[in-house]
Amino acid sequence: SVGYNLPTSLIKKIRLSALSVYFTGQNLWVWSPMFKHTRNMDPENIEQADPELNKNAGQGMAYPMLKTYTLGINVTL
């Protein structure tokens, strides 16, 4: 998480008592070998991604952890 509180000298001009901006991210640096394999994968052939049907499916063919981005503004009147 990264946040910034705007200076009160700027905030008073727009009749606010506090204003802050923040960014939060989760799993930002996740990498998976799946990304290099998806070019050769047929999206309609589920057998390519199923580890029980394809012995190579466990070699980076599972979906990676999801990345989450949050951008927000906190305003106090």
PDB file of N, CA and C in Angstrom:
ATOM      1  N   SER A   1       0.836  -1.190   0.000  1.00  0.00           N
ATOM      2  CA  SER A   1       0.000   0.000   0.000  1.00  0.00           C
ATOM      3  C   SER A   1       0.870   1.238   0.000  1.00  0.00           C
ATOM      4  N   VAL A   2       0.431   2.210  -0.760  1.00  0.00           N
ATOM      5  CA  VAL A   2       1.093   3.508  -0.808  1.00  0.00           C
ATOM      6  C   VAL A   2       0.002   4.555  -0.725  1.00  0.00           C
ATOM      7  N   GLY A   3       0.193   5.532   0.135  1.00  0.00           N
ATOM      8  CA  GLY A   3      -0.808   6.589   0.272  1.00  0.00           C
ATOM      9  C   GLY A   3      -0.164   7.959   0.363  1.00  0.00           C
ATOM     10  N   TYR A   4      -0.957   8.981   0.068  1.00  0.00           N
ATOM     11  CA  TYR A   4      -0.466  10.357   0.129  1.00  0.00           C
ATOM     12  C   TYR A   4      -1.589  11.254   0.631  1.00  0.00           C
ATOM     13  N   ASN A   5      -1.302  12.036   1.651  1.00  0.00           N
ATOM     14  CA  ASN A   5      -2.248  13.032   2.159  1.00  0.00           C
ATOM     15  C   ASN A   5      -1.923  14.372   1.527  1.00  0.00           C
ATOM     16  N   LEU A   6      -2.886  14.977   0.875  1.00  0.00           N
ATOM     17  CA  LEU A   6      -2.652  16.277   0.261  1.00  0.00           C
ATOM     18  C   LEU A   6      -2.479  17.338   1.340  1.00  0.00           C
ATOM     19  N   PRO A   7      -1.645  18.329   1.074  1.00  0.00           N
ATOM     20  CA  PRO A   7      -1.406  19.389   2.061  1.00  0.00           C
ATOM     21  C   PRO A   7      -2.683  20.159   2.378  1.00  0.00           C
ATOM     22  N   THR A   8      -2.828  20.542   3.644  1.00  0.00           N
ATOM     23  CA  THR A   8      -4.036  21.259   4.070  1.00  0.00           C
ATOM     24  C   THR A   8      -4.174  22.610   3.381  1.00  0.00           C
ATOM     25  N   SER A   9      -3.069  23.223   2.972  1.00  0.00           N
ATOM     26  CA  SER A   9      -3.161  24.515   2.271  1.00  0.00           C
ATOM     27  C   SER A   9      -3.925  24.371   0.952  1.00  0.00           C
ATOM     28  N   LEU A  10      -3.780  23.251   0.266  1.00  0.00           N
ATOM     29  CA  LEU A  10      -4.518  23.018  -0.984  1.00  0.00           C
ATOM     30  C   LEU A  10      -5.955  22.578  -0.712  1.00  0.00           C
ATOM     31  N   ILE A  11      -6.143  21.788   0.328  1.00  0.00           N
ATOM     32  CA  ILE A  11      -7.457  21.231   0.637  1.00  0.00           C
ATOM     33  C   ILE A  11      -8.435  22.297   1.122  1.00  0.00           C
ATOM     34  N   LYS A  12      -7.940  23.267   1.892  1.00  0.00           N
ATOM     35  CA  LYS A  12      -8.803  24.338   2.423  1.00  0.00           C
ATOM     36  C   LYS A  12      -9.442  25.151   1.301  1.00  0.00           C
ATOM     37  N   LYS A  13      -8.762  25.260   0.170  1.00  0.00           N
ATOM     38  CA  LYS A  13      -9.284  26.045  -0.962  1.00  0.00           C
ATOM     39  C   LYS A  13     -10.545  25.422  -1.562  1.00  0.00           C
ATOM     40  N   ILE A  14     -10.681  24.111  -1.431  1.00  0.00           N
ATOM     41  CA  ILE A  14     -11.882  23.441  -1.966  1.00  0.00           C
ATOM     42  C   ILE A  14     -12.820  23.000  -0.838  1.00  0.00           C
ATOM     43  N   ARG A  15     -12.649  23.607   0.347  1.00  0.00           N
ATOM     44  CA  ARG A  15     -13.530  23.428   1.509  1.00  0.00           C
ATOM     45  C   ARG A  15     -13.599  21.994   2.027  1.00  0.00           C
ATOM     46  N   LEU A  16     -12.447  21.350   2.099  1.00  0.00           N
ATOM     47  CA  LEU A  16     -12.357  20.020   2.671  1.00  0.00           C
ATOM     48  C   LEU A  16     -11.417  20.064   3.869  1.00  0.00           C
ATOM     49  N   SER A  17     -11.589  19.134   4.806  1.00  0.00           N
ATOM     50  CA  SER A  17     -10.675  19.097   5.947  1.00  0.00           C
ATOM     51  C   SER A  17      -9.567  18.058   5.753  1.00  0.00           C
ATOM     52  N   ALA A  18      -9.775  17.060   4.904  1.00  0.00           N
ATOM     53  CA  ALA A  18      -8.731  16.069   4.616  1.00  0.00           C
ATOM     54  C   ALA A  18      -9.000  15.415   3.265  1.00  0.00           C
ATOM     55  N   LEU A  19      -7.945  15.103   2.569  1.00  0.00           N
ATOM     56  CA  LEU A  19      -8.039  14.422   1.278  1.00  0.00           C
ATOM     57  C   LEU A  19      -6.782  13.574   1.106  1.00  0.00           C
ATOM     58  N   SER A  20      -6.979  12.276   0.899  1.00  0.00           N
ATOM     59  CA  SER A  20      -5.835  11.387   0.690  1.00  0.00           C
ATOM     60  C   SER A  20      -6.115  10.461  -0.488  1.00  0.00           C
ATOM     61  N   VAL A  21      -5.048  10.069  -1.143  1.00  0.00           N
ATOM     62  CA  VAL A  21      -5.106   9.171  -2.294  1.00  0.00           C
ATOM     63  C   VAL A  21      -4.252   7.957  -1.934  1.00  0.00           C
ATOM     64  N   TYR A  22      -4.724   6.764  -2.296  1.00  0.00           N
ATOM     65  CA  TYR A  22      -3.954   5.571  -1.985  1.00  0.00           C
ATOM     66  C   TYR A  22      -4.020   4.551  -3.113  1.00  0.00           C
ATOM     67  N   PHE A  23      -3.007   3.687  -3.134  1.00  0.00           N
ATOM     68  CA  PHE A  23      -2.926   2.572  -4.073  1.00  0.00           C
ATOM     69  C   PHE A  23      -2.531   1.335  -3.281  1.00  0.00           C
ATOM     70  N   THR A  24      -3.233   0.242  -3.505  1.00  0.00           N
ATOM     71  CA  THR A  24      -2.910  -1.027  -2.868  1.00  0.00           C
ATOM     72  C   THR A  24      -2.847  -2.099  -3.951  1.00  0.00           C
ATOM     73  N   GLY A  25      -1.849  -2.942  -3.874  1.00  0.00           N
ATOM     74  CA  GLY A  25      -1.710  -4.039  -4.825  1.00  0.00           C
ATOM     75  C   GLY A  25      -1.340  -5.327  -4.124  1.00  0.00           C
ATOM     76  N   GLN A  26      -1.866  -6.424  -4.612  1.00  0.00           N
ATOM     77  CA  GLN A  26      -1.534  -7.747  -4.084  1.00  0.00           C
ATOM     78  C   GLN A  26      -1.064  -8.637  -5.216  1.00  0.00           C
ATOM     79  N   ASN A  27      -0.049  -9.441  -4.928  1.00  0.00           N
ATOM     80  CA  ASN A  27       0.526 -10.386  -5.908  1.00  0.00           C
ATOM     81  C   ASN A  27       0.990  -9.676  -7.176  1.00  0.00           C
ATOM     82  N   LEU A  28       1.638  -8.541  -7.020  1.00  0.00           N
ATOM     83  CA  LEU A  28       2.053  -7.742  -8.167  1.00  0.00           C
ATOM     84  C   LEU A  28       3.190  -8.376  -8.962  1.00  0.00           C
ATOM     85  N   TRP A  29       4.044  -9.141  -8.328  1.00  0.00           N
ATOM     86  CA  TRP A  29       5.218  -9.690  -8.997  1.00  0.00           C
ATOM     87  C   TRP A  29       5.074 -11.181  -9.299  1.00  0.00           C
ATOM     88  N   VAL A  30       3.864 -11.693  -9.362  1.00  0.00           N
ATOM     89  CA  VAL A  30       3.643 -13.116  -9.633  1.00  0.00           C
ATOM     90  C   VAL A  30       3.966 -13.400 -11.094  1.00  0.00           C
ATOM     91  N   TRP A  31       4.708 -14.487 -11.308  1.00  0.00           N
ATOM     92  CA  TRP A  31       5.016 -14.928 -12.666  1.00  0.00           C
ATOM     93  C   TRP A  31       4.668 -16.401 -12.772  1.00  0.00           C
ATOM     94  N   SER A  32       4.204 -16.813 -13.906  1.00  0.00           N
ATOM     95  CA  SER A  32       3.852 -18.212 -14.114  1.00  0.00           C
ATOM     96  C   SER A  32       4.320 -18.653 -15.495  1.00  0.00           C
ATOM     97  N   PRO A  33       4.851 -19.869 -15.610  1.00  0.00           N
ATOM     98  CA  PRO A  33       5.217 -20.379 -16.933  1.00  0.00           C
ATOM     99  C   PRO A  33       4.008 -20.583 -17.837  1.00  0.00           C
ATOM    100  N   MET A  34       2.796 -20.492 -17.289  1.00  0.00           N
ATOM    101  CA  MET A  34       1.589 -20.669 -18.099  1.00  0.00           C
ATOM    102  C   MET A  34       1.540 -19.657 -19.240  1.00  0.00           C
ATOM    103  N   PHE A  35       2.066 -18.458 -19.001  1.00  0.00           N
ATOM    104  CA  PHE A  35       1.977 -17.408 -20.006  1.00  0.00           C
ATOM    105  C   PHE A  35       2.716 -17.785 -21.289  1.00  0.00           C
ATOM    106  N   LYS A  36       3.815 -18.520 -21.180  1.00  0.00           N
ATOM    107  CA  LYS A  36       4.535 -18.905 -22.397  1.00  0.00           C
ATOM    108  C   LYS A  36       3.886 -20.107 -23.082  1.00  0.00           C
ATOM    109  N   HIS A  37       3.083 -20.896 -22.350  1.00  0.00           N
ATOM    110  CA  HIS A  37       2.435 -22.078 -22.933  1.00  0.00           C
ATOM    111  C   HIS A  37       1.094 -21.752 -23.581  1.00  0.00           C
ATOM    112  N   THR A  38       0.471 -20.644 -23.241  1.00  0.00           N
ATOM    113  CA  THR A  38      -0.875 -20.367 -23.736  1.00  0.00           C
ATOM    114  C   THR A  38      -0.905 -20.105 -25.235  1.00  0.00           C
ATOM    115  N   ARG A  39       0.214 -19.738 -25.828  1.00  0.00           N
ATOM    116  CA  ARG A  39       0.230 -19.497 -27.268  1.00  0.00           C
ATOM    117  C   ARG A  39      -0.050 -20.781 -28.050  1.00  0.00           C
ATOM    118  N   ASN A  40       0.397 -21.912 -27.525  1.00  0.00           N
ATOM    119  CA  ASN A  40       0.244 -23.192 -28.225  1.00  0.00           C
ATOM    120  C   ASN A  40      -0.965 -23.980 -27.745  1.00  0.00           C
ATOM    121  N   MET A  41      -1.751 -23.406 -26.873  1.00  0.00           N
ATOM    122  CA  MET A  41      -2.860 -24.145 -26.278  1.00  0.00           C
ATOM    123  C   MET A  41      -4.169 -23.860 -27.000  1.00  0.00           C
ATOM    124  N   ASP A  42      -4.903 -24.910 -27.257  1.00  0.00           N
ATOM    125  CA  ASP A  42      -6.223 -24.787 -27.867  1.00  0.00           C
ATOM    126  C   ASP A  42      -7.232 -24.507 -26.750  1.00  0.00           C
ATOM    127  N   PRO A  43      -7.904 -23.348 -26.738  1.00  0.00           N
ATOM    128  CA  PRO A  43      -8.809 -23.008 -25.638  1.00  0.00           C
ATOM    129  C   PRO A  43     -10.003 -23.942 -25.511  1.00  0.00           C
ATOM    130  N   GLU A  44     -10.342 -24.680 -26.570  1.00  0.00           N
ATOM    131  CA  GLU A  44     -11.480 -25.589 -26.510  1.00  0.00           C
ATOM    132  C   GLU A  44     -11.074 -27.018 -26.127  1.00  0.00           C
ATOM    133  N   ASN A  45      -9.779 -27.268 -25.939  1.00  0.00           N
ATOM    134  CA  ASN A  45      -9.308 -28.601 -25.570  1.00  0.00           C
ATOM    135  C   ASN A  45      -8.920 -28.594 -24.096  1.00  0.00           C
ATOM    136  N   ILE A  46      -9.859 -28.952 -23.218  1.00  0.00           N
ATOM    137  CA  ILE A  46      -9.648 -28.922 -21.771  1.00  0.00           C
ATOM    138  C   ILE A  46      -8.613 -29.953 -21.335  1.00  0.00           C
ATOM    139  N   GLU A  47      -8.401 -30.990 -22.145  1.00  0.00           N
ATOM    140  CA  GLU A  47      -7.436 -32.029 -21.782  1.00  0.00           C
ATOM    141  C   GLU A  47      -6.014 -31.473 -21.659  1.00  0.00           C
ATOM    142  N   GLN A  48      -5.712 -30.394 -22.365  1.00  0.00           N
ATOM    143  CA  GLN A  48      -4.370 -29.819 -22.296  1.00  0.00           C
ATOM    144  C   GLN A  48      -4.079 -29.228 -20.918  1.00  0.00           C
ATOM    145  N   ALA A  49      -5.078 -28.747 -20.215  1.00  0.00           N
ATOM    146  CA  ALA A  49      -4.871 -28.106 -18.924  1.00  0.00           C
ATOM    147  C   ALA A  49      -5.180 -29.013 -17.742  1.00  0.00           C
ATOM    148  N   ASP A  50      -5.789 -30.160 -17.970  1.00  0.00           N
ATOM    149  CA  ASP A  50      -6.173 -31.068 -16.885  1.00  0.00           C
ATOM    150  C   ASP A  50      -4.990 -31.962 -16.511  1.00  0.00           C
ATOM    151  N   PRO A  51      -4.470 -31.859 -15.269  1.00  0.00           N
ATOM    152  CA  PRO A  51      -3.313 -32.666 -14.884  1.00  0.00           C
ATOM    153  C   PRO A  51      -3.578 -34.162 -14.858  1.00  0.00           C
ATOM    154  N   GLU A  52      -4.847 -34.584 -14.765  1.00  0.00           N
ATOM    155  CA  GLU A  52      -5.153 -36.007 -14.770  1.00  0.00           C
ATOM    156  C   GLU A  52      -5.132 -36.577 -16.188  1.00  0.00           C
ATOM    157  N   LEU A  53      -5.330 -35.736 -17.185  1.00  0.00           N
ATOM    158  CA  LEU A  53      -5.363 -36.202 -18.570  1.00  0.00           C
ATOM    159  C   LEU A  53      -4.073 -35.897 -19.329  1.00  0.00           C
ATOM    160  N   ASN A  54      -3.303 -34.935 -18.857  1.00  0.00           N
ATOM    161  CA  ASN A  54      -2.100 -34.509 -19.557  1.00  0.00           C
ATOM    162  C   ASN A  54      -0.949 -34.446 -18.557  1.00  0.00           C
ATOM    163  N   LYS A  55       0.087 -35.243 -18.773  1.00  0.00           N
ATOM    164  CA  LYS A  55       1.199 -35.291 -17.821  1.00  0.00           C
ATOM    165  C   LYS A  55       1.967 -33.966 -17.762  1.00  0.00           C
ATOM    166  N   ASN A  56       1.887 -33.121 -18.785  1.00  0.00           N
ATOM    167  CA  ASN A  56       2.572 -31.829 -18.794  1.00  0.00           C
ATOM    168  C   ASN A  56       1.733 -30.705 -18.196  1.00  0.00           C
ATOM    169  N   ALA A  57       0.499 -31.011 -17.796  1.00  0.00           N
ATOM    170  CA  ALA A  57      -0.400 -29.963 -17.305  1.00  0.00           C
ATOM    171  C   ALA A  57       0.103 -29.340 -16.014  1.00  0.00           C
ATOM    172  N   GLY A  58       0.815 -30.092 -15.206  1.00  0.00           N
ATOM    173  CA  GLY A  58       1.338 -29.547 -13.961  1.00  0.00           C
ATOM    174  C   GLY A  58       2.585 -28.707 -14.153  1.00  0.00           C
ATOM    175  N   GLN A  59       3.080 -28.622 -15.367  1.00  0.00           N
ATOM    176  CA  GLN A  59       4.307 -27.872 -15.652  1.00  0.00           C
ATOM    177  C   GLN A  59       3.993 -26.436 -16.036  1.00  0.00           C
ATOM    178  N   GLY A  60       3.363 -25.718 -15.130  1.00  0.00           N
ATOM    179  CA  GLY A  60       3.061 -24.320 -15.397  1.00  0.00           C
ATOM    180  C   GLY A  60       1.748 -24.085 -16.095  1.00  0.00           C
ATOM    181  N   MET A  61       0.903 -25.092 -16.191  1.00  0.00           N
ATOM    182  CA  MET A  61      -0.365 -24.925 -16.889  1.00  0.00           C
ATOM    183  C   MET A  61      -1.515 -24.589 -15.948  1.00  0.00           C
ATOM    184  N   ALA A  62      -1.259 -24.490 -14.642  1.00  0.00           N
ATOM    185  CA  ALA A  62      -2.302 -24.100 -13.696  1.00  0.00           C
ATOM    186  C   ALA A  62      -2.399 -22.581 -13.694  1.00  0.00           C
ATOM    187  N   TYR A  63      -3.578 -22.082 -13.389  1.00  0.00           N
ATOM    188  CA  TYR A  63      -3.741 -20.631 -13.353  1.00  0.00           C
ATOM    189  C   TYR A  63      -2.912 -20.031 -12.224  1.00  0.00           C
ATOM    190  N   PRO A  64      -2.221 -18.928 -12.471  1.00  0.00           N
ATOM    191  CA  PRO A  64      -1.429 -18.284 -11.419  1.00  0.00           C
ATOM    192  C   PRO A  64      -2.330 -17.529 -10.445  1.00  0.00           C
ATOM    193  N   MET A  65      -1.753 -17.106  -9.331  1.00  0.00           N
ATOM    194  CA  MET A  65      -2.497 -16.305  -8.361  1.00  0.00           C
ATOM    195  C   MET A  65      -2.932 -15.000  -9.034  1.00  0.00           C
ATOM    196  N   LEU A  66      -4.105 -14.538  -8.695  1.00  0.00           N
ATOM    197  CA  LEU A  66      -4.630 -13.322  -9.295  1.00  0.00           C
ATOM    198  C   LEU A  66      -3.946 -12.089  -8.726  1.00  0.00           C
ATOM    199  N   LYS A  67      -3.787 -11.101  -9.569  1.00  0.00           N
ATOM    200  CA  LYS A  67      -3.265  -9.807  -9.134  1.00  0.00           C
ATOM    201  C   LYS A  67      -4.451  -8.907  -8.811  1.00  0.00           C
ATOM    202  N   THR A  68      -4.298  -8.114  -7.765  1.00  0.00           N
ATOM    203  CA  THR A  68      -5.366  -7.209  -7.355  1.00  0.00           C
ATOM    204  C   THR A  68      -4.814  -5.802  -7.247  1.00  0.00           C
ATOM    205  N   TYR A  69      -5.503  -4.839  -7.864  1.00  0.00           N
ATOM    206  CA  TYR A  69      -5.130  -3.438  -7.796  1.00  0.00           C
ATOM    207  C   TYR A  69      -6.290  -2.658  -7.212  1.00  0.00           C
ATOM    208  N   THR A  70      -5.996  -1.759  -6.280  1.00  0.00           N
ATOM    209  CA  THR A  70      -7.026  -0.900  -5.708  1.00  0.00           C
ATOM    210  C   THR A  70      -6.497   0.528  -5.683  1.00  0.00           C
ATOM    211  N   LEU A  71      -7.263   1.438  -6.223  1.00  0.00           N
ATOM    212  CA  LEU A  71      -6.919   2.853  -6.205  1.00  0.00           C
ATOM    213  C   LEU A  71      -8.091   3.572  -5.557  1.00  0.00           C
ATOM    214  N   GLY A  72      -7.804   4.432  -4.589  1.00  0.00           N
ATOM    215  CA  GLY A  72      -8.892   5.066  -3.889  1.00  0.00           C
ATOM    216  C   GLY A  72      -8.593   6.477  -3.418  1.00  0.00           C
ATOM    217  N   ILE A  73      -9.651   7.150  -3.035  1.00  0.00           N
ATOM    218  CA  ILE A  73      -9.570   8.520  -2.516  1.00  0.00           C
ATOM    219  C   ILE A  73     -10.405   8.572  -1.236  1.00  0.00           C
ATOM    220  N   ASN A  74      -9.829   9.099  -0.165  1.00  0.00           N
ATOM    221  CA  ASN A  74     -10.559   9.339   1.068  1.00  0.00           C
ATOM    222  C   ASN A  74     -10.768  10.842   1.199  1.00  0.00           C
ATOM    223  N   VAL A  75     -12.020  11.235   1.350  1.00  0.00           N
ATOM    224  CA  VAL A  75     -12.383  12.648   1.453  1.00  0.00           C
ATOM    225  C   VAL A  75     -13.089  12.892   2.781  1.00  0.00           C
ATOM    226  N   THR A  76     -12.647  13.931   3.502  1.00  0.00           N
ATOM    227  CA  THR A  76     -13.301  14.337   4.741  1.00  0.00           C
ATOM    228  C   THR A  76     -13.785  15.768   4.575  1.00  0.00           C
ATOM    229  N   LEU A  77     -15.076  15.965   4.765  1.00  0.00           N
ATOM    230  CA  LEU A  77     -15.651  17.306   4.617  1.00  0.00           C
ATOM    231  C   LEU A  77     -15.418  18.166   5.831  1.00  0.00           C
TER     232      LEU A  77
END
